[in-house]
Protein backbone atom coordinates (compact mmCIF):
# COMPACT_ATOMS: atom_id res chain seq x y z
CA UNK A 1 109.75 -38.26 -13.68
CA UNK A 2 109.52 -40.93 -11.00
CA UNK A 3 112.99 -42.49 -10.61
CA UNK A 4 111.38 -45.75 -9.36
CA UNK A 5 110.04 -46.33 -12.86
CA UNK A 6 113.29 -45.47 -14.63
CA UNK A 7 115.68 -48.20 -15.79
CA UNK A 8 119.13 -46.90 -14.79
CA UNK A 9 120.72 -49.09 -17.47
CA UNK A 10 119.35 -46.58 -19.95
CA UNK A 11 121.79 -44.03 -18.57
CA UNK A 12 124.66 -46.32 -19.55
CA UNK A 13 123.15 -46.59 -23.02
CA UNK A 14 122.92 -42.81 -23.23
CA UNK A 15 126.54 -42.25 -22.12
CA UNK A 16 127.94 -44.88 -24.47
CA UNK A 17 125.98 -43.64 -27.46
CA UNK A 18 127.03 -40.08 -26.68
CA UNK A 19 130.68 -41.17 -26.68
CA UNK A 20 130.56 -43.46 -29.73
CA UNK A 21 128.03 -41.56 -31.92
CA UNK A 22 127.21 -44.93 -33.50
CA UNK A 23 124.58 -47.51 -32.49
CA UNK A 24 126.61 -50.52 -33.65
CA UNK A 25 129.79 -49.43 -31.86
CA UNK A 26 127.86 -48.50 -28.72
CA UNK A 27 126.08 -51.87 -28.61
CA UNK A 28 129.39 -53.73 -28.93
CA UNK A 29 130.96 -51.62 -26.20
CA UNK A 30 128.10 -52.36 -23.79
CA UNK A 31 127.78 -55.99 -24.87
CA UNK A 32 124.22 -56.04 -26.18
CA UNK A 33 122.74 -56.60 -29.64
CA UNK A 34 122.13 -53.72 -32.01
CA UNK A 35 118.31 -54.23 -31.91
CA UNK A 36 118.47 -54.13 -28.09
CA UNK A 37 120.48 -50.91 -28.31
CA UNK A 38 117.94 -49.35 -30.68
CA UNK A 39 115.11 -50.44 -28.41
CA UNK A 40 116.81 -48.87 -25.39
CA UNK A 41 117.29 -45.64 -27.31
CA UNK A 42 113.60 -45.58 -28.23
CA UNK A 43 112.66 -46.07 -24.55
CA UNK A 44 114.97 -43.20 -23.61
CA UNK A 45 113.41 -40.96 -26.24
CA UNK A 46 109.95 -41.76 -24.91
CA UNK A 47 110.89 -41.07 -21.28
CA UNK A 48 112.80 -37.84 -22.01
CA UNK A 49 110.38 -36.74 -24.75
CA UNK A 50 113.22 -35.83 -27.08
CA UNK A 51 114.95 -37.49 -30.05
CA UNK A 52 118.30 -37.19 -28.18
CA UNK A 53 120.34 -38.42 -31.17
CA UNK A 54 119.76 -37.69 -34.86
CA UNK A 55 121.45 -39.52 -37.71
CA UNK A 56 123.93 -37.37 -39.63
CA UNK A 57 126.92 -37.72 -41.99
CA UNK A 58 129.26 -38.19 -39.02
CA UNK A 59 127.08 -40.57 -37.03
CA UNK A 60 124.47 -39.95 -34.37
CA UNK A 61 124.45 -36.24 -33.59
CA UNK A 62 123.27 -35.28 -30.06
CA UNK A 63 120.38 -32.85 -29.82
CA UNK A 64 120.60 -29.76 -27.58
CA UNK A 65 118.66 -31.72 -24.92
CA UNK A 66 121.17 -34.60 -25.09
CA UNK A 67 124.06 -32.16 -24.74
CA UNK A 68 122.31 -30.67 -21.71
CA UNK A 69 121.88 -34.10 -20.13
CA UNK A 70 125.37 -35.44 -20.85
CA UNK A 71 127.28 -33.80 -17.99
CA UNK A 72 124.93 -34.70 -15.12
CA UNK A 73 124.49 -38.26 -16.42
CA UNK A 74 128.24 -38.78 -16.85
CA UNK A 75 128.96 -37.42 -13.38
CA UNK A 76 126.27 -39.54 -11.76
CA UNK A 77 127.52 -42.73 -13.42
CA UNK A 78 131.14 -41.90 -12.57
CA UNK A 79 130.23 -41.43 -8.91
CA UNK A 80 128.39 -44.74 -8.86
CA UNK A 81 131.25 -46.58 -10.58
CA UNK A 82 133.78 -45.02 -8.20
CA UNK A 83 131.79 -46.18 -5.18
CA UNK A 84 131.33 -49.73 -6.45
CA UNK A 85 134.87 -50.21 -7.81
CA UNK A 86 136.45 -49.22 -4.50
CA UNK A 87 135.16 -52.46 -2.98
CA UNK A 88 137.87 -55.15 -2.93
CA UNK A 89 139.88 -53.67 -5.81
CA UNK A 90 142.32 -56.27 -7.13
CA UNK A 91 144.57 -55.36 -10.12
CA UNK A 92 144.93 -59.05 -10.97
CA UNK A 93 141.17 -59.42 -11.42
CA UNK A 94 140.13 -56.06 -12.86
CA UNK A 95 139.31 -55.61 -16.55
CA UNK A 96 139.87 -51.88 -16.72
CA UNK A 97 140.55 -50.05 -19.98
CA UNK A 98 143.07 -47.27 -19.28
CA UNK A 99 142.78 -44.47 -21.84
CA UNK A 100 145.73 -42.10 -22.11
CA UNK A 101 146.61 -39.27 -24.46
CA UNK A 102 150.36 -38.73 -24.54
CA UNK A 103 152.66 -36.63 -26.72
CA UNK A 104 154.68 -38.71 -29.18
CA UNK A 105 158.02 -37.47 -27.83
CA UNK A 106 157.20 -38.51 -24.26
CA UNK A 107 155.46 -41.80 -25.14
CA UNK A 108 158.68 -43.84 -25.63
CA UNK A 109 159.86 -42.71 -22.18
CA UNK A 110 156.74 -44.03 -20.44
CA UNK A 111 154.85 -46.59 -22.51
CA UNK A 112 157.33 -49.51 -22.69
CA UNK A 113 157.49 -49.88 -18.89
CA UNK A 114 153.78 -49.14 -18.52
CA UNK A 115 152.81 -51.88 -21.00
CA UNK A 116 155.10 -54.36 -19.27
CA UNK A 117 153.73 -53.41 -15.83
CA UNK A 118 150.08 -53.84 -16.85
CA UNK A 119 150.81 -57.08 -18.68
CA UNK A 120 152.43 -58.53 -15.54
CA UNK A 121 150.22 -57.05 -12.82
CA UNK A 122 146.79 -56.62 -14.43
CA UNK A 123 146.57 -59.08 -17.36
CA UNK A 124 142.83 -58.52 -17.78
CA UNK A 125 143.26 -54.77 -18.30
CA UNK A 126 144.16 -52.97 -21.52
CA UNK A 127 145.55 -49.67 -22.79
CA UNK A 128 144.15 -47.24 -25.37
CA UNK A 129 146.74 -44.64 -26.40
CA UNK A 130 146.04 -41.39 -28.26
CA UNK A 131 148.27 -38.45 -29.16
CA UNK A 132 146.03 -35.38 -28.72
CA UNK A 133 147.58 -32.54 -26.76
CA UNK A 134 146.75 -29.09 -25.40
CA UNK A 135 143.14 -27.92 -25.66
CA UNK A 136 142.12 -31.09 -27.53
CA UNK A 137 143.37 -33.27 -24.66
CA UNK A 138 141.47 -31.05 -22.22
CA UNK A 139 138.31 -31.55 -24.28
CA UNK A 140 138.79 -35.32 -24.26
CA UNK A 141 139.18 -35.32 -20.47
CA UNK A 142 136.00 -33.27 -20.08
CA UNK A 143 134.04 -35.59 -22.38
CA UNK A 144 135.34 -38.69 -20.55
CA UNK A 145 137.01 -40.02 -23.70
CA UNK A 146 140.37 -40.35 -21.92
CA UNK A 147 141.38 -40.91 -18.31
CA UNK A 148 144.77 -39.17 -18.35
CA UNK A 149 146.59 -36.65 -20.51
CA UNK A 150 150.39 -36.52 -20.46
CA UNK A 151 152.35 -33.72 -22.09
CA UNK A 152 153.12 -30.02 -21.88
CA UNK A 153 150.31 -27.94 -20.38
CA UNK A 154 151.05 -24.30 -19.59
CA UNK A 155 147.67 -23.80 -17.87
CA UNK A 156 145.81 -26.46 -15.89
CA UNK A 157 142.12 -25.67 -15.22
CA UNK A 158 141.08 -26.08 -11.57
CA UNK A 159 138.70 -28.95 -12.39
CA UNK A 160 141.70 -31.17 -13.12
CA UNK A 161 144.20 -32.82 -10.88
CA UNK A 162 147.80 -32.68 -12.10
CA UNK A 163 151.30 -33.74 -11.24
CA UNK A 164 154.64 -32.73 -12.71
CA UNK A 165 156.30 -35.91 -13.97
CA UNK A 166 159.71 -34.50 -14.90
CA UNK A 167 161.55 -31.38 -16.09
CA UNK A 168 163.90 -31.18 -19.06
CA UNK A 169 166.31 -28.74 -20.62
CA UNK A 170 166.14 -27.99 -24.33
CA UNK A 171 169.11 -29.05 -26.48
CA UNK A 172 169.82 -29.39 -30.19
CA UNK A 173 170.62 -32.61 -32.01
CA UNK A 174 172.26 -33.45 -35.34
CA UNK A 175 173.96 -36.34 -37.13
CA UNK A 176 177.60 -37.07 -36.31
CA UNK A 177 178.86 -35.82 -39.69
CA UNK A 178 177.43 -32.33 -39.13
CA UNK A 179 180.07 -29.57 -39.05
CA UNK A 180 179.02 -28.62 -35.50
CA UNK A 181 178.65 -32.18 -34.19
CA UNK A 182 181.63 -31.85 -31.85
CA UNK A 183 180.53 -28.55 -30.34
CA UNK A 184 179.50 -28.91 -26.71
CA UNK A 185 177.53 -25.67 -26.95
CA UNK A 186 176.62 -23.77 -30.10
CA UNK A 187 177.19 -20.05 -30.33
CA UNK A 188 174.30 -17.84 -31.39
CA UNK A 189 176.11 -17.25 -34.69
CA UNK A 190 176.44 -20.98 -35.31
CA UNK A 191 172.82 -21.67 -34.35
CA UNK A 192 171.48 -19.05 -36.75
CA UNK A 193 173.76 -20.13 -39.60
CA UNK A 194 172.27 -23.63 -39.91
CA UNK A 195 168.97 -24.98 -41.20
CA UNK A 196 166.50 -26.30 -38.68
CA UNK A 197 163.93 -29.07 -38.41
CA UNK A 198 160.88 -28.29 -36.27
CA UNK A 199 158.47 -30.91 -34.94
CA UNK A 200 155.06 -29.39 -34.22
CA UNK A 201 151.48 -29.60 -35.53
CA UNK A 202 150.18 -26.68 -37.57
CA UNK A 203 148.24 -25.15 -34.66
CA UNK A 204 151.08 -25.48 -32.12
CA UNK A 205 152.16 -22.36 -30.21
CA UNK A 206 155.46 -20.63 -30.91
CA UNK A 207 158.38 -22.77 -29.75
CA UNK A 208 160.29 -21.56 -26.66
CA UNK A 209 163.49 -21.08 -28.68
CA UNK A 210 161.69 -18.98 -31.30
CA UNK A 211 160.03 -16.90 -28.59
CA UNK A 212 163.43 -16.17 -27.02
CA UNK A 213 165.04 -15.39 -30.37
CA UNK A 214 162.27 -12.98 -31.31
CA UNK A 215 162.91 -11.04 -28.10
CA UNK A 216 166.43 -10.47 -29.44
CA UNK A 217 165.06 -9.56 -32.90
CA UNK A 218 166.54 -12.77 -34.27
CA UNK A 219 165.04 -15.62 -36.27
CA UNK A 220 166.27 -19.10 -37.13
CA UNK A 221 165.83 -20.78 -40.52
CA UNK A 222 163.18 -23.50 -40.15
CA UNK A 223 163.81 -25.44 -43.34
CA UNK A 224 161.50 -28.42 -42.66
CA UNK A 225 158.49 -28.74 -40.36
CA UNK A 226 156.82 -32.05 -39.53
CA UNK A 227 153.99 -33.18 -37.23
CA UNK A 228 155.49 -36.30 -35.64
CA UNK A 229 158.87 -36.76 -34.01
CA UNK A 230 158.99 -40.36 -35.24
CA UNK A 231 159.88 -38.93 -38.68
CA UNK A 232 162.80 -36.90 -37.31
CA UNK A 233 165.55 -39.58 -37.16
CA UNK A 234 165.43 -40.39 -40.89
CA UNK A 235 165.49 -36.68 -41.76
CA UNK A 236 168.40 -35.86 -39.44
CA UNK A 237 170.38 -38.89 -40.53
CA UNK A 238 170.27 -37.81 -44.19
CA UNK A 239 170.65 -34.04 -43.93
CA UNK A 240 172.50 -31.22 -42.21
CA UNK A 241 169.38 -30.12 -40.37
CA UNK A 242 169.39 -29.56 -36.61
CA UNK A 243 166.49 -30.36 -34.29
CA UNK A 244 165.85 -28.47 -31.04
CA UNK A 245 164.03 -30.68 -28.54
CA UNK A 246 163.71 -31.67 -24.85
CA UNK A 247 166.80 -33.34 -23.41
CA UNK A 248 165.30 -36.69 -22.33
CA UNK A 249 163.90 -37.33 -25.79
CA UNK A 250 167.21 -36.24 -27.32
CA UNK A 251 169.15 -38.69 -25.12
CA UNK A 252 166.89 -41.56 -26.15
CA UNK A 253 167.14 -40.76 -29.86
CA UNK A 254 170.87 -40.16 -29.64
CA UNK A 255 171.35 -43.57 -28.05
CA UNK A 256 169.19 -45.30 -30.67
CA UNK A 257 170.50 -43.50 -33.76
CA UNK A 258 173.95 -42.23 -32.83
CA UNK A 259 173.18 -38.51 -33.05
CA UNK A 260 175.22 -35.74 -31.45
CA UNK A 261 173.78 -33.38 -28.85
CA UNK A 262 174.84 -29.79 -28.20
CA UNK A 263 173.67 -27.18 -25.72
CA UNK A 264 171.72 -24.21 -27.01
CA UNK A 265 173.23 -20.72 -27.10
CA UNK A 266 170.24 -19.40 -25.09
CA UNK A 267 169.04 -20.64 -21.71
CA UNK A 268 165.36 -21.55 -21.98
CA UNK A 269 162.77 -22.26 -19.32
CA UNK A 270 162.68 -25.97 -18.55
CA UNK A 271 160.10 -28.11 -20.32
CA UNK A 272 157.62 -29.53 -17.80
CA UNK A 273 155.85 -32.76 -18.59
CA UNK A 274 152.61 -33.06 -16.61
CA UNK A 275 149.95 -35.69 -16.15
CA UNK A 276 146.36 -34.44 -15.91
CA UNK A 277 143.16 -36.19 -14.88
CA UNK A 278 139.65 -35.10 -14.07
CA UNK A 279 139.11 -34.62 -10.34
CA UNK A 280 136.10 -36.92 -10.62
CA UNK A 281 138.68 -39.73 -10.81
CA UNK A 282 140.77 -38.56 -7.84
CA UNK A 283 139.63 -41.38 -5.53
CA UNK A 284 139.18 -44.15 -8.09
CA UNK A 285 141.33 -47.12 -6.89
CA UNK A 286 142.20 -48.48 -10.32
CA UNK A 287 143.19 -45.05 -11.64
CA UNK A 288 145.09 -44.21 -8.46
CA UNK A 289 146.93 -47.49 -8.97
CA UNK A 290 147.99 -46.79 -12.56
CA UNK A 291 148.78 -43.13 -11.84
CA UNK A 292 151.03 -44.07 -8.93
CA UNK A 293 152.83 -46.57 -11.14
CA UNK A 294 153.59 -43.95 -13.79
CA UNK A 295 154.86 -41.48 -11.18
CA UNK A 296 157.04 -44.01 -9.33
CA UNK A 297 158.51 -45.35 -12.56
CA UNK A 298 159.90 -41.91 -13.39
């Protein structure tokens, strides 16, 4: 194929359609009409000699050829955008969409100040927040569906840049009427005698406290398990359940809801909250700017 005869705008069409899996959504994202989007897709199909995207129950499904093309096209466009955006970068004038996946326990520690900072210093920009974690967050970074992932990552693949935002101890929290509310540190007997609330999705790994207990041939009574920590305050306030969680989140919730905090009977490895990004974005001025803000704020 002769690159002189290729409209490079078609690569933007390809990338957007690959991300959105929907012609209407892709056309709105690019800022063209749906007929223009369909026409561009037909031109792409003719040039590549492949259907590229096939309609299915979940939208436009990429063909094997489209999947093969996605990585080199995304990387080429990212490199071009990085080069162009580094010229005269001005936060006040940029219209960047910052896409972040962040765990729901860490989000309240970061997002309020981040929203205020962007609103004051880059009013044309916007935030898109998601909650995926672990391998799903890694997949979203690889597919360029998010710019940063913030949470707990035990292993960071070499293709990503990362920084440790803060470390936390694990503690347990309960309402002030709980029989152990005044205990500075629970004994192992006390900890095992009570019912526990665990916050974790179904596919989450074993919690650090459960891993340590199992090494002692012990097991706590997890009476209720939920996916989101935002549900925890109402459950703790109306029950004798105890929640084991990172200390910074516990301090915030304790301040807001008047809960009591006690130390655990077992010393656990500190919880590390990391921020990850694809190394393709390592020298992107707008992303360097927002990343530095998050780090300095903590």
